[in-house]
Amino acid sequence: MQTVYILKSKKDGNLYIGCSSNLKKRMQEHNTGHVRSTALRRPLTLIYAENYDDKYEAFRMERFYKTAKGKRILKLKLKE
């Protein structure tokens, strides 16, 4: 199973969108500085996650959420 997740930086408030088969391990990597793109934005909080049985569908959704239309949809989902 793959998880598409969204992290929010407590430092600057920016969002990070990613995909992982082991969310717990990936969160640890993000918060210990082992991920280059989030190392300077720590600490990070998980604010949203979606599980997918198909890894290709998960990767497709991750890419979609990084588009302008995907970000608009995410804002609506996060308000719920």
N, C-alpha and C. Protein backbone atom coordinates (compact mmCIF):
# COMPACT_ATOMS: atom_id res chain seq x y z
N MET A 1 0.84 -1.18 0.00
CA MET A 1 0.00 0.00 0.00
C MET A 1 0.89 1.24 0.00
N GLN A 2 0.50 2.24 -0.76
CA GLN A 2 1.21 3.52 -0.85
C GLN A 2 0.35 4.60 -0.19
N THR A 3 1.01 5.56 0.42
CA THR A 3 0.33 6.67 1.04
C THR A 3 0.80 7.98 0.43
N VAL A 4 -0.14 8.78 -0.03
CA VAL A 4 0.16 10.15 -0.45
C VAL A 4 -0.09 11.00 0.79
N TYR A 5 0.91 11.82 1.15
CA TYR A 5 0.81 12.57 2.39
C TYR A 5 1.17 14.03 2.18
N ILE A 6 0.69 14.85 3.11
CA ILE A 6 0.99 16.28 3.08
C ILE A 6 1.53 16.67 4.45
N LEU A 7 2.68 17.31 4.42
CA LEU A 7 3.30 17.80 5.64
C LEU A 7 3.24 19.31 5.66
N LYS A 8 3.13 19.87 6.85
CA LYS A 8 3.17 21.32 7.00
C LYS A 8 4.35 21.68 7.89
N SER A 9 5.14 22.64 7.42
CA SER A 9 6.29 23.10 8.17
C SER A 9 5.84 24.03 9.29
N LYS A 10 6.28 23.74 10.52
CA LYS A 10 5.97 24.63 11.63
C LYS A 10 6.88 25.86 11.59
N LYS A 11 7.95 25.77 10.82
CA LYS A 11 8.90 26.88 10.71
C LYS A 11 8.41 27.97 9.77
N ASP A 12 7.95 27.58 8.57
CA ASP A 12 7.55 28.59 7.58
C ASP A 12 6.11 28.43 7.08
N GLY A 13 5.41 27.39 7.52
CA GLY A 13 4.01 27.20 7.13
C GLY A 13 3.79 26.59 5.76
N ASN A 14 4.86 26.32 5.02
CA ASN A 14 4.74 25.74 3.68
C ASN A 14 4.35 24.27 3.75
N LEU A 15 3.77 23.78 2.64
CA LEU A 15 3.35 22.39 2.55
C LEU A 15 4.34 21.59 1.72
N TYR A 16 4.45 20.30 2.04
CA TYR A 16 5.25 19.36 1.27
C TYR A 16 4.34 18.18 0.93
N ILE A 17 4.31 17.78 -0.33
CA ILE A 17 3.48 16.66 -0.77
C ILE A 17 4.41 15.53 -1.18
N GLY A 18 4.15 14.33 -0.65
CA GLY A 18 5.00 13.19 -0.98
C GLY A 18 4.21 11.90 -1.02
N CYS A 19 4.93 10.81 -1.30
CA CYS A 19 4.33 9.49 -1.42
C CYS A 19 5.30 8.48 -0.82
N SER A 20 4.78 7.52 -0.06
CA SER A 20 5.65 6.53 0.57
C SER A 20 4.89 5.24 0.85
N SER A 21 5.64 4.15 0.90
CA SER A 21 5.03 2.87 1.27
C SER A 21 5.14 2.64 2.78
N ASN A 22 5.94 3.46 3.47
CA ASN A 22 6.11 3.36 4.92
C ASN A 22 6.08 4.77 5.49
N LEU A 23 4.90 5.26 5.79
CA LEU A 23 4.73 6.65 6.21
C LEU A 23 5.45 6.94 7.53
N LYS A 24 5.38 6.04 8.47
CA LYS A 24 6.02 6.27 9.77
C LYS A 24 7.53 6.48 9.60
N LYS A 25 8.17 5.62 8.80
CA LYS A 25 9.61 5.74 8.56
C LYS A 25 9.92 7.02 7.80
N ARG A 26 9.10 7.35 6.81
CA ARG A 26 9.33 8.55 6.00
C ARG A 26 9.18 9.81 6.85
N MET A 27 8.22 9.84 7.76
CA MET A 27 8.06 10.98 8.66
C MET A 27 9.31 11.17 9.51
N GLN A 28 9.85 10.06 9.99
CA GLN A 28 11.07 10.12 10.80
C GLN A 28 12.22 10.70 9.97
N GLU A 29 12.33 10.26 8.71
CA GLU A 29 13.38 10.78 7.83
C GLU A 29 13.22 12.29 7.61
N HIS A 30 11.99 12.73 7.42
CA HIS A 30 11.74 14.17 7.22
C HIS A 30 12.13 14.95 8.48
N ASN A 31 11.71 14.49 9.63
CA ASN A 31 11.92 15.25 10.86
C ASN A 31 13.32 15.13 11.45
N THR A 32 14.14 14.24 10.92
CA THR A 32 15.54 14.16 11.37
C THR A 32 16.49 14.80 10.37
N GLY A 33 15.96 15.39 9.31
CA GLY A 33 16.79 16.11 8.35
C GLY A 33 17.40 15.28 7.26
N HIS A 34 16.95 14.05 7.06
CA HIS A 34 17.50 13.17 6.04
C HIS A 34 16.89 13.37 4.65
N VAL A 35 15.92 14.26 4.53
CA VAL A 35 15.31 14.57 3.24
C VAL A 35 15.71 16.00 2.89
N ARG A 36 16.47 16.14 1.82
CA ARG A 36 17.04 17.44 1.46
C ARG A 36 15.99 18.54 1.32
N SER A 37 14.87 18.24 0.68
CA SER A 37 13.88 19.28 0.40
C SER A 37 13.15 19.78 1.65
N THR A 38 13.20 19.05 2.75
CA THR A 38 12.51 19.50 3.96
C THR A 38 13.45 19.72 5.14
N ALA A 39 14.72 19.47 4.96
CA ALA A 39 15.68 19.53 6.08
C ALA A 39 15.69 20.90 6.77
N LEU A 40 15.60 21.97 6.01
CA LEU A 40 15.65 23.31 6.59
C LEU A 40 14.29 23.83 7.02
N ARG A 41 13.25 23.02 6.84
CA ARG A 41 11.88 23.46 7.15
C ARG A 41 11.32 22.72 8.36
N ARG A 42 12.15 22.02 9.08
CA ARG A 42 11.71 21.26 10.25
C ARG A 42 11.33 22.18 11.41
N PRO A 43 10.45 21.72 12.29
CA PRO A 43 9.73 20.45 12.33
C PRO A 43 8.53 20.44 11.39
N LEU A 44 8.13 19.25 11.01
CA LEU A 44 7.02 19.05 10.08
C LEU A 44 5.91 18.25 10.75
N THR A 45 4.68 18.58 10.41
CA THR A 45 3.52 17.90 10.96
C THR A 45 2.71 17.30 9.82
N LEU A 46 2.27 16.06 10.00
CA LEU A 46 1.40 15.41 9.02
C LEU A 46 0.01 16.02 9.14
N ILE A 47 -0.50 16.57 8.03
CA ILE A 47 -1.84 17.18 8.08
C ILE A 47 -2.86 16.45 7.22
N TYR A 48 -2.39 15.54 6.34
CA TYR A 48 -3.33 14.82 5.47
C TYR A 48 -2.65 13.59 4.90
N ALA A 49 -3.41 12.51 4.74
CA ALA A 49 -2.88 11.29 4.13
C ALA A 49 -4.00 10.52 3.44
N GLU A 50 -3.67 9.93 2.29
CA GLU A 50 -4.59 9.08 1.53
C GLU A 50 -3.86 7.79 1.20
N ASN A 51 -4.51 6.66 1.41
CA ASN A 51 -3.91 5.36 1.09
C ASN A 51 -4.42 4.84 -0.25
N TYR A 52 -3.51 4.19 -0.98
CA TYR A 52 -3.83 3.61 -2.28
C TYR A 52 -3.25 2.20 -2.35
N ASP A 53 -4.03 1.27 -2.90
CA ASP A 53 -3.55 -0.09 -3.10
C ASP A 53 -2.59 -0.16 -4.29
N ASP A 54 -2.80 0.69 -5.27
CA ASP A 54 -1.99 0.70 -6.48
C ASP A 54 -0.95 1.82 -6.40
N LYS A 55 0.34 1.47 -6.46
CA LYS A 55 1.38 2.48 -6.30
C LYS A 55 1.39 3.48 -7.45
N TYR A 56 1.00 3.05 -8.64
CA TYR A 56 0.97 3.97 -9.77
C TYR A 56 -0.13 5.01 -9.61
N GLU A 57 -1.25 4.61 -9.04
CA GLU A 57 -2.33 5.56 -8.76
C GLU A 57 -1.86 6.55 -7.69
N ALA A 58 -1.14 6.08 -6.70
CA ALA A 58 -0.62 6.96 -5.65
C ALA A 58 0.34 7.98 -6.24
N PHE A 59 1.26 7.54 -7.10
CA PHE A 59 2.21 8.45 -7.73
C PHE A 59 1.50 9.46 -8.63
N ARG A 60 0.45 9.00 -9.31
CA ARG A 60 -0.33 9.90 -10.16
C ARG A 60 -1.00 10.99 -9.32
N MET A 61 -1.56 10.59 -8.17
CA MET A 61 -2.22 11.56 -7.31
C MET A 61 -1.21 12.53 -6.68
N GLU A 62 -0.04 12.03 -6.34
CA GLU A 62 0.99 12.93 -5.80
C GLU A 62 1.33 14.01 -6.83
N ARG A 63 1.54 13.62 -8.07
CA ARG A 63 1.85 14.59 -9.13
C ARG A 63 0.68 15.55 -9.34
N PHE A 64 -0.55 15.02 -9.29
CA PHE A 64 -1.73 15.87 -9.47
C PHE A 64 -1.83 16.92 -8.37
N TYR A 65 -1.62 16.52 -7.12
CA TYR A 65 -1.73 17.45 -6.00
C TYR A 65 -0.68 18.56 -6.06
N LYS A 66 0.37 18.36 -6.83
CA LYS A 66 1.40 19.38 -6.98
C LYS A 66 1.07 20.40 -8.07
N THR A 67 -0.04 20.16 -8.81
CA THR A 67 -0.48 21.10 -9.85
C THR A 67 -1.37 22.18 -9.22
N ALA A 68 -1.62 23.25 -9.96
CA ALA A 68 -2.47 24.33 -9.46
C ALA A 68 -3.88 23.81 -9.15
N LYS A 69 -4.44 23.01 -10.04
CA LYS A 69 -5.79 22.46 -9.82
C LYS A 69 -5.79 21.52 -8.61
N GLY A 70 -4.77 20.70 -8.50
CA GLY A 70 -4.65 19.78 -7.37
C GLY A 70 -4.54 20.52 -6.04
N LYS A 71 -3.81 21.62 -6.03
CA LYS A 71 -3.67 22.41 -4.80
C LYS A 71 -5.00 23.03 -4.39
N ARG A 72 -5.80 23.45 -5.37
CA ARG A 72 -7.13 23.99 -5.06
C ARG A 72 -8.01 22.92 -4.42
N ILE A 73 -7.97 21.72 -4.97
CA ILE A 73 -8.76 20.61 -4.43
C ILE A 73 -8.28 20.25 -3.03
N LEU A 74 -6.97 20.25 -2.83
CA LEU A 74 -6.43 19.96 -1.50
C LEU A 74 -6.90 20.98 -0.47
N LYS A 75 -6.92 22.24 -0.84
CA LYS A 75 -7.39 23.27 0.09
C LYS A 75 -8.81 22.98 0.54
N LEU A 76 -9.66 22.54 -0.40
CA LEU A 76 -11.04 22.19 -0.05
C LEU A 76 -11.07 20.99 0.88
N LYS A 77 -10.25 19.98 0.60
CA LYS A 77 -10.22 18.79 1.45
C LYS A 77 -9.71 19.12 2.85
N LEU A 78 -8.74 20.00 2.94
CA LEU A 78 -8.16 20.34 4.24
C LEU A 78 -9.11 21.18 5.09
N LYS A 79 -10.05 21.88 4.46
CA LYS A 79 -11.02 22.66 5.21
C LYS A 79 -12.06 21.78 5.87
N GLU A 80 -12.28 20.58 5.34
CA GLU A 80 -13.32 19.67 5.87
C GLU A 80 -12.95 19.16 7.24
